[in-house]
Amino acid sequence: MNSGNAKAPTEASRIKPASRRSECVQSDTFAVVGYEHSLSARAGIGALLLAARKGSTLVYVGSVGTGFKEAAAWKLREEFDKLVSKKPPVEYGGRRKAVVWVLPRLFAEVEYRAWTHDSKLRHASYKGLRDLADTADVYEIE
């Protein structure tokens, strides 16, 4: 027995096809300058803290807390444990409490949708580490 209206549009017909959506996904490389420690997340990493180049310095541009597979998170944690720093490598005025700072020697490929008004990444997703000989490929803020 079908209780729906036969002439009503189906759920699938109300969804726009992907070809008509205009989603703008960008992908760039950022320096990893720390992570937020978590007791519940994989390998104790809640989110990576990222930086971009601005001239000869690094500037905090936000964090990425999604896109990690468990094996990748454990590999990151092993690398971070070798790079822990007492002081932040960037000026940081964020609200995160359990931040572990690391020397900016690892570079992450990150997809994101946009930038916020205060120059932070919006809807970021981790895609993996990049092998870089220098910081030339790190995103530069103008």
N, C-alpha and C. Protein backbone atom coordinates (compact mmCIF):
# COMPACT_ATOMS: atom_id res chain seq x y z
N MET A 1 0.84 -1.17 0.00
CA MET A 1 0.00 0.00 0.00
C MET A 1 0.89 1.25 0.00
N ASN A 2 0.66 2.16 -0.92
CA ASN A 2 1.44 3.39 -1.05
C ASN A 2 0.59 4.54 -0.56
N SER A 3 1.01 5.19 0.52
CA SER A 3 0.20 6.27 1.08
C SER A 3 0.64 7.64 0.57
N GLY A 4 1.68 7.72 -0.27
CA GLY A 4 2.18 9.01 -0.76
C GLY A 4 1.38 9.50 -1.96
N ASN A 5 1.52 10.78 -2.27
CA ASN A 5 0.86 11.38 -3.42
C ASN A 5 1.61 10.95 -4.67
N ALA A 6 0.94 10.34 -5.61
CA ALA A 6 1.58 9.83 -6.82
C ALA A 6 2.18 10.94 -7.67
N LYS A 7 1.64 12.16 -7.60
CA LYS A 7 2.15 13.25 -8.42
C LYS A 7 3.20 14.10 -7.71
N ALA A 8 3.45 13.82 -6.44
CA ALA A 8 4.45 14.59 -5.68
C ALA A 8 5.85 14.19 -6.13
N PRO A 9 6.78 15.17 -6.17
CA PRO A 9 8.14 14.82 -6.58
C PRO A 9 8.80 13.89 -5.56
N THR A 10 9.59 12.99 -6.07
CA THR A 10 10.29 12.08 -5.17
C THR A 10 11.43 12.81 -4.50
N GLU A 11 11.95 12.24 -3.42
CA GLU A 11 13.08 12.84 -2.70
C GLU A 11 14.27 13.03 -3.63
N ALA A 12 14.54 12.02 -4.45
CA ALA A 12 15.70 12.08 -5.35
C ALA A 12 15.56 13.18 -6.39
N SER A 13 14.33 13.47 -6.83
CA SER A 13 14.15 14.49 -7.87
C SER A 13 14.33 15.90 -7.33
N ARG A 14 14.26 16.08 -6.00
CA ARG A 14 14.44 17.41 -5.41
C ARG A 14 15.90 17.75 -5.16
N ILE A 15 16.78 16.77 -5.26
CA ILE A 15 18.20 16.99 -5.04
C ILE A 15 18.84 17.45 -6.34
N LYS A 16 19.60 18.53 -6.27
CA LYS A 16 20.26 19.03 -7.47
C LYS A 16 21.33 18.04 -7.93
N PRO A 17 21.42 17.81 -9.23
CA PRO A 17 22.51 16.95 -9.70
C PRO A 17 23.86 17.61 -9.44
N ALA A 18 24.88 16.79 -9.27
CA ALA A 18 26.21 17.31 -8.97
C ALA A 18 26.71 18.27 -10.03
N SER A 19 26.31 18.06 -11.28
CA SER A 19 26.78 18.93 -12.35
C SER A 19 26.25 20.35 -12.22
N ARG A 20 25.14 20.56 -11.50
CA ARG A 20 24.59 21.90 -11.35
C ARG A 20 25.03 22.58 -10.06
N ARG A 21 25.65 21.84 -9.15
CA ARG A 21 26.16 22.44 -7.92
C ARG A 21 27.45 23.18 -8.23
N SER A 22 27.68 24.24 -7.52
CA SER A 22 28.93 24.96 -7.74
C SER A 22 29.73 24.99 -6.43
N GLU A 23 30.37 23.86 -6.14
CA GLU A 23 31.21 23.78 -4.96
C GLU A 23 32.64 24.08 -5.37
N CYS A 24 33.28 24.94 -4.63
CA CYS A 24 34.65 25.32 -4.94
C CYS A 24 35.56 24.74 -3.86
N VAL A 25 36.26 23.69 -4.22
CA VAL A 25 37.18 23.06 -3.28
C VAL A 25 38.60 23.43 -3.70
N GLN A 26 39.34 23.96 -2.76
CA GLN A 26 40.73 24.32 -3.03
C GLN A 26 41.63 23.36 -2.28
N SER A 27 42.83 23.20 -2.77
CA SER A 27 43.80 22.32 -2.11
C SER A 27 45.15 23.01 -2.11
N ASP A 28 45.76 23.11 -0.93
CA ASP A 28 47.06 23.76 -0.81
C ASP A 28 47.88 23.05 0.26
N THR A 29 49.15 23.44 0.34
CA THR A 29 50.08 22.87 1.31
C THR A 29 50.31 23.88 2.43
N PHE A 30 50.24 23.40 3.67
CA PHE A 30 50.44 24.24 4.84
C PHE A 30 51.46 23.58 5.77
N ALA A 31 52.20 24.41 6.51
CA ALA A 31 53.13 23.89 7.51
C ALA A 31 52.33 23.47 8.74
N VAL A 32 52.69 22.33 9.31
CA VAL A 32 52.05 21.88 10.55
C VAL A 32 52.87 22.45 11.70
N VAL A 33 52.24 23.26 12.56
CA VAL A 33 52.96 23.92 13.65
C VAL A 33 52.55 23.39 15.03
N GLY A 34 51.61 22.48 15.06
CA GLY A 34 51.19 21.90 16.33
C GLY A 34 49.97 21.03 16.15
N TYR A 35 49.51 20.49 17.27
CA TYR A 35 48.27 19.73 17.25
C TYR A 35 47.56 19.89 18.58
N GLU A 36 46.26 19.71 18.53
CA GLU A 36 45.47 19.75 19.75
C GLU A 36 45.41 18.33 20.29
N HIS A 37 45.90 18.15 21.52
CA HIS A 37 45.91 16.84 22.13
C HIS A 37 44.49 16.46 22.53
N SER A 38 44.13 15.20 22.29
CA SER A 38 42.80 14.70 22.63
C SER A 38 42.93 13.34 23.29
N LEU A 39 42.15 13.12 24.33
CA LEU A 39 42.16 11.82 24.99
C LEU A 39 41.29 10.80 24.26
N SER A 40 40.40 11.28 23.38
CA SER A 40 39.48 10.36 22.71
C SER A 40 39.79 10.15 21.23
N ALA A 41 40.53 11.05 20.60
CA ALA A 41 40.79 10.93 19.16
C ALA A 41 41.92 9.94 18.89
N ARG A 42 41.98 9.49 17.66
CA ARG A 42 43.01 8.56 17.23
C ARG A 42 44.40 9.13 17.46
N ALA A 43 45.27 8.36 18.04
CA ALA A 43 46.66 8.73 18.33
C ALA A 43 46.78 9.98 19.19
N GLY A 44 45.68 10.39 19.81
CA GLY A 44 45.72 11.57 20.67
C GLY A 44 45.74 12.88 19.92
N ILE A 45 45.46 12.84 18.62
CA ILE A 45 45.46 14.05 17.80
C ILE A 45 44.02 14.47 17.52
N GLY A 46 43.61 15.59 18.10
CA GLY A 46 42.27 16.11 17.85
C GLY A 46 42.21 16.94 16.58
N ALA A 47 43.24 17.75 16.34
CA ALA A 47 43.31 18.58 15.15
C ALA A 47 44.75 19.04 14.94
N LEU A 48 45.12 19.24 13.68
CA LEU A 48 46.43 19.80 13.36
C LEU A 48 46.30 21.31 13.28
N LEU A 49 47.28 22.03 13.79
CA LEU A 49 47.32 23.49 13.68
C LEU A 49 48.23 23.83 12.51
N LEU A 50 47.74 24.69 11.62
CA LEU A 50 48.40 24.95 10.35
C LEU A 50 48.89 26.38 10.23
N ALA A 51 49.90 26.56 9.39
CA ALA A 51 50.43 27.89 9.13
C ALA A 51 50.73 28.05 7.64
N ALA A 52 50.66 29.29 7.18
CA ALA A 52 51.03 29.65 5.81
C ALA A 52 52.18 30.64 5.89
N ARG A 53 52.85 30.84 4.77
CA ARG A 53 53.95 31.81 4.72
C ARG A 53 53.38 33.21 4.51
N LYS A 54 53.98 34.17 5.17
CA LYS A 54 53.71 35.58 4.90
C LYS A 54 55.08 36.25 4.93
N GLY A 55 55.64 36.44 3.74
CA GLY A 55 57.02 36.90 3.65
C GLY A 55 57.94 35.80 4.15
N SER A 56 58.76 36.13 5.12
CA SER A 56 59.70 35.13 5.65
C SER A 56 59.23 34.49 6.95
N THR A 57 58.00 34.78 7.37
CA THR A 57 57.48 34.20 8.61
C THR A 57 56.29 33.28 8.33
N LEU A 58 55.95 32.50 9.34
CA LEU A 58 54.75 31.66 9.27
C LEU A 58 53.65 32.31 10.07
N VAL A 59 52.42 32.20 9.56
CA VAL A 59 51.24 32.80 10.18
C VAL A 59 50.20 31.71 10.39
N TYR A 60 49.64 31.64 11.59
CA TYR A 60 48.60 30.65 11.91
C TYR A 60 47.37 30.90 11.04
N VAL A 61 46.87 29.84 10.38
CA VAL A 61 45.70 29.99 9.51
C VAL A 61 44.55 29.04 9.87
N GLY A 62 44.64 28.41 11.02
CA GLY A 62 43.54 27.56 11.44
C GLY A 62 43.96 26.12 11.65
N SER A 63 42.96 25.26 11.71
CA SER A 63 43.23 23.87 12.03
C SER A 63 42.43 22.95 11.12
N VAL A 64 42.83 21.69 11.14
CA VAL A 64 42.11 20.65 10.40
C VAL A 64 41.95 19.47 11.34
N GLY A 65 40.72 19.03 11.51
CA GLY A 65 40.45 17.95 12.45
C GLY A 65 39.75 16.76 11.82
N THR A 66 39.69 16.72 10.49
CA THR A 66 39.05 15.61 9.82
C THR A 66 39.89 15.16 8.63
N GLY A 67 39.66 13.94 8.19
CA GLY A 67 40.38 13.41 7.04
C GLY A 67 41.48 12.43 7.41
N PHE A 68 41.71 12.22 8.70
CA PHE A 68 42.76 11.30 9.15
C PHE A 68 42.26 9.87 9.16
N LYS A 69 43.06 8.98 8.64
CA LYS A 69 42.82 7.56 8.85
C LYS A 69 43.65 7.18 10.08
N GLU A 70 43.28 6.13 10.76
CA GLU A 70 43.95 5.79 12.02
C GLU A 70 45.44 5.54 11.84
N ALA A 71 45.82 4.81 10.79
CA ALA A 71 47.25 4.53 10.56
C ALA A 71 48.02 5.83 10.31
N ALA A 72 47.43 6.74 9.56
CA ALA A 72 48.09 8.03 9.28
C ALA A 72 48.23 8.85 10.56
N ALA A 73 47.24 8.79 11.42
CA ALA A 73 47.30 9.54 12.68
C ALA A 73 48.44 9.03 13.56
N TRP A 74 48.61 7.72 13.62
CA TRP A 74 49.70 7.16 14.43
C TRP A 74 51.06 7.52 13.85
N LYS A 75 51.16 7.54 12.51
CA LYS A 75 52.42 7.93 11.87
C LYS A 75 52.72 9.40 12.18
N LEU A 76 51.71 10.24 12.09
CA LEU A 76 51.89 11.66 12.44
C LEU A 76 52.36 11.82 13.88
N ARG A 77 51.74 11.09 14.77
CA ARG A 77 52.10 11.19 16.19
C ARG A 77 53.55 10.81 16.42
N GLU A 78 54.03 9.77 15.74
CA GLU A 78 55.45 9.38 15.86
C GLU A 78 56.36 10.51 15.40
N GLU A 79 56.00 11.16 14.30
CA GLU A 79 56.80 12.27 13.79
C GLU A 79 56.73 13.47 14.74
N PHE A 80 55.55 13.77 15.24
CA PHE A 80 55.37 14.92 16.14
C PHE A 80 56.18 14.75 17.42
N ASP A 81 56.24 13.53 17.93
CA ASP A 81 56.97 13.29 19.18
C ASP A 81 58.45 13.65 19.04
N LYS A 82 58.99 13.61 17.82
CA LYS A 82 60.38 13.98 17.57
C LYS A 82 60.56 15.49 17.40
N LEU A 83 59.46 16.21 17.17
CA LEU A 83 59.54 17.63 16.81
C LEU A 83 58.93 18.58 17.86
N VAL A 84 58.59 18.08 19.03
CA VAL A 84 57.93 18.90 20.05
C VAL A 84 58.77 20.12 20.39
N SER A 85 58.09 21.26 20.52
CA SER A 85 58.74 22.54 20.82
C SER A 85 58.07 23.15 22.05
N LYS A 86 58.85 23.79 22.90
CA LYS A 86 58.30 24.43 24.11
C LYS A 86 57.50 25.69 23.76
N LYS A 87 57.94 26.41 22.73
CA LYS A 87 57.24 27.65 22.40
C LYS A 87 56.63 27.55 21.01
N PRO A 88 55.55 28.27 20.79
CA PRO A 88 54.87 28.19 19.50
C PRO A 88 55.71 28.80 18.37
N PRO A 89 55.74 28.15 17.21
CA PRO A 89 56.49 28.68 16.07
C PRO A 89 55.74 29.80 15.33
N VAL A 90 54.52 30.09 15.76
CA VAL A 90 53.71 31.16 15.17
C VAL A 90 53.05 31.96 16.29
N GLU A 91 52.62 33.16 15.97
CA GLU A 91 51.83 33.92 16.93
C GLU A 91 50.45 33.29 16.97
N TYR A 92 50.00 32.95 18.17
CA TYR A 92 48.74 32.21 18.30
C TYR A 92 47.85 32.86 19.34
N GLY A 93 46.65 33.21 18.94
CA GLY A 93 45.69 33.80 19.87
C GLY A 93 44.42 32.99 19.94
N GLY A 94 44.50 31.71 19.58
CA GLY A 94 43.32 30.85 19.55
C GLY A 94 42.86 30.41 20.93
N ARG A 95 41.77 29.68 20.94
CA ARG A 95 41.16 29.25 22.21
C ARG A 95 41.47 27.81 22.59
N ARG A 96 42.18 27.11 21.76
CA ARG A 96 42.47 25.71 22.07
C ARG A 96 43.35 25.63 23.30
N LYS A 97 43.05 24.69 24.18
CA LYS A 97 43.76 24.60 25.47
C LYS A 97 44.91 23.61 25.45
N ALA A 98 44.70 22.43 24.92
CA ALA A 98 45.69 21.35 25.01
C ALA A 98 46.56 21.30 23.75
N VAL A 99 47.23 22.40 23.43
CA VAL A 99 48.03 22.47 22.22
C VAL A 99 49.45 21.95 22.49
N VAL A 100 49.92 21.10 21.58
CA VAL A 100 51.30 20.64 21.60
C VAL A 100 51.96 21.26 20.37
N TRP A 101 52.95 22.13 20.61
CA TRP A 101 53.63 22.81 19.51
C TRP A 101 54.72 21.92 18.95
N VAL A 102 54.91 21.98 17.62
CA VAL A 102 55.98 21.22 16.98
C VAL A 102 56.75 22.15 16.04
N LEU A 103 58.00 21.79 15.81
CA LEU A 103 58.79 22.54 14.83
C LEU A 103 58.16 22.36 13.46
N PRO A 104 58.09 23.41 12.67
CA PRO A 104 57.40 23.32 11.36
C PRO A 104 58.24 22.61 10.30
N ARG A 105 58.37 21.29 10.45
CA ARG A 105 59.16 20.48 9.52
C ARG A 105 58.29 19.54 8.68
N LEU A 106 57.01 19.47 9.03
CA LEU A 106 56.07 18.63 8.29
C LEU A 106 55.08 19.53 7.55
N PHE A 107 54.67 19.08 6.36
CA PHE A 107 53.80 19.89 5.52
C PHE A 107 52.61 19.06 5.10
N ALA A 108 51.41 19.59 5.32
CA ALA A 108 50.19 18.86 5.05
C ALA A 108 49.48 19.40 3.82
N GLU A 109 48.98 18.48 3.01
CA GLU A 109 48.10 18.85 1.90
C GLU A 109 46.69 18.89 2.48
N VAL A 110 46.02 20.02 2.31
CA VAL A 110 44.71 20.24 2.92
C VAL A 110 43.74 20.76 1.88
N GLU A 111 42.55 20.17 1.84
CA GLU A 111 41.46 20.71 1.02
C GLU A 111 40.61 21.59 1.91
N TYR A 112 40.09 22.67 1.35
CA TYR A 112 39.23 23.58 2.12
C TYR A 112 38.26 24.26 1.17
N ARG A 113 37.21 24.81 1.72
CA ARG A 113 36.16 25.44 0.91
C ARG A 113 36.38 26.94 0.70
N ALA A 114 36.90 27.61 1.74
CA ALA A 114 37.04 29.07 1.65
C ALA A 114 37.91 29.56 2.79
N TRP A 115 38.06 30.88 2.85
CA TRP A 115 38.76 31.56 3.94
C TRP A 115 37.74 32.38 4.71
N THR A 116 37.90 32.46 6.03
CA THR A 116 37.02 33.30 6.84
C THR A 116 37.48 34.75 6.74
N HIS A 117 36.69 35.66 7.29
CA HIS A 117 37.04 37.09 7.26
C HIS A 117 38.33 37.38 8.04
N ASP A 118 38.68 36.50 8.99
CA ASP A 118 39.91 36.73 9.77
C ASP A 118 41.06 35.82 9.30
N SER A 119 41.02 35.44 8.03
CA SER A 119 42.09 34.67 7.37
C SER A 119 42.36 33.30 7.97
N LYS A 120 41.28 32.56 8.24
CA LYS A 120 41.39 31.18 8.71
C LYS A 120 40.71 30.27 7.69
N LEU A 121 41.19 29.03 7.63
CA LEU A 121 40.61 28.06 6.71
C LEU A 121 39.21 27.67 7.14
N ARG A 122 38.33 27.49 6.17
CA ARG A 122 36.95 27.07 6.45
C ARG A 122 36.73 25.68 5.84
N HIS A 123 36.17 24.78 6.63
CA HIS A 123 35.83 23.42 6.20
C HIS A 123 37.05 22.68 5.64
N ALA A 124 38.10 22.63 6.42
CA ALA A 124 39.34 22.00 6.00
C ALA A 124 39.31 20.49 6.22
N SER A 125 39.98 19.76 5.34
CA SER A 125 40.08 18.31 5.44
C SER A 125 41.50 17.88 5.08
N TYR A 126 42.10 17.09 5.95
CA TYR A 126 43.47 16.61 5.77
C TYR A 126 43.53 15.57 4.67
N LYS A 127 44.49 15.71 3.76
CA LYS A 127 44.64 14.77 2.66
C LYS A 127 45.93 13.96 2.75
N GLY A 128 46.92 14.44 3.48
CA GLY A 128 48.16 13.69 3.64
C GLY A 128 49.35 14.61 3.80
N LEU A 129 50.51 14.01 4.10
CA LEU A 129 51.74 14.78 4.23
C LEU A 129 52.39 14.94 2.87
N ARG A 130 53.08 16.04 2.68
CA ARG A 130 53.85 16.30 1.46
C ARG A 130 55.32 16.20 1.79
N ASP A 131 56.09 15.71 0.85
CA ASP A 131 57.55 15.71 0.97
C ASP A 131 58.05 16.99 0.33
N LEU A 132 58.66 17.85 1.13
CA LEU A 132 59.17 19.12 0.61
C LEU A 132 60.62 19.31 1.01
N ALA A 133 61.44 19.70 0.07
CA ALA A 133 62.83 20.00 0.38
C ALA A 133 62.96 21.37 1.01
N ASP A 134 62.06 22.27 0.65
CA ASP A 134 62.06 23.62 1.24
C ASP A 134 60.61 24.08 1.38
N THR A 135 60.41 25.27 1.83
CA THR A 135 59.05 25.75 2.08
C THR A 135 58.44 26.50 0.90
N ALA A 136 59.02 26.36 -0.28
CA ALA A 136 58.54 27.11 -1.44
C ALA A 136 57.10 26.77 -1.81
N ASP A 137 56.67 25.54 -1.57
CA ASP A 137 55.30 25.15 -1.93
C ASP A 137 54.28 25.43 -0.85
N VAL A 138 54.68 25.94 0.29
CA VAL A 138 53.74 26.26 1.35
C VAL A 138 52.92 27.48 0.92
N TYR A 139 51.63 27.43 1.15
CA TYR A 139 50.73 28.51 0.75
C TYR A 139 51.25 29.85 1.27
N GLU A 140 51.21 30.85 0.42
CA GLU A 140 51.69 32.18 0.82
C GLU A 140 50.54 33.17 0.86
N ILE A 141 50.42 33.86 1.99
CA ILE A 141 49.42 34.91 2.17
C ILE A 141 50.03 36.21 1.65
N GLU A 142 49.26 36.89 0.86
CA GLU A 142 49.77 38.16 0.31
C GLU A 142 49.45 39.34 1.18
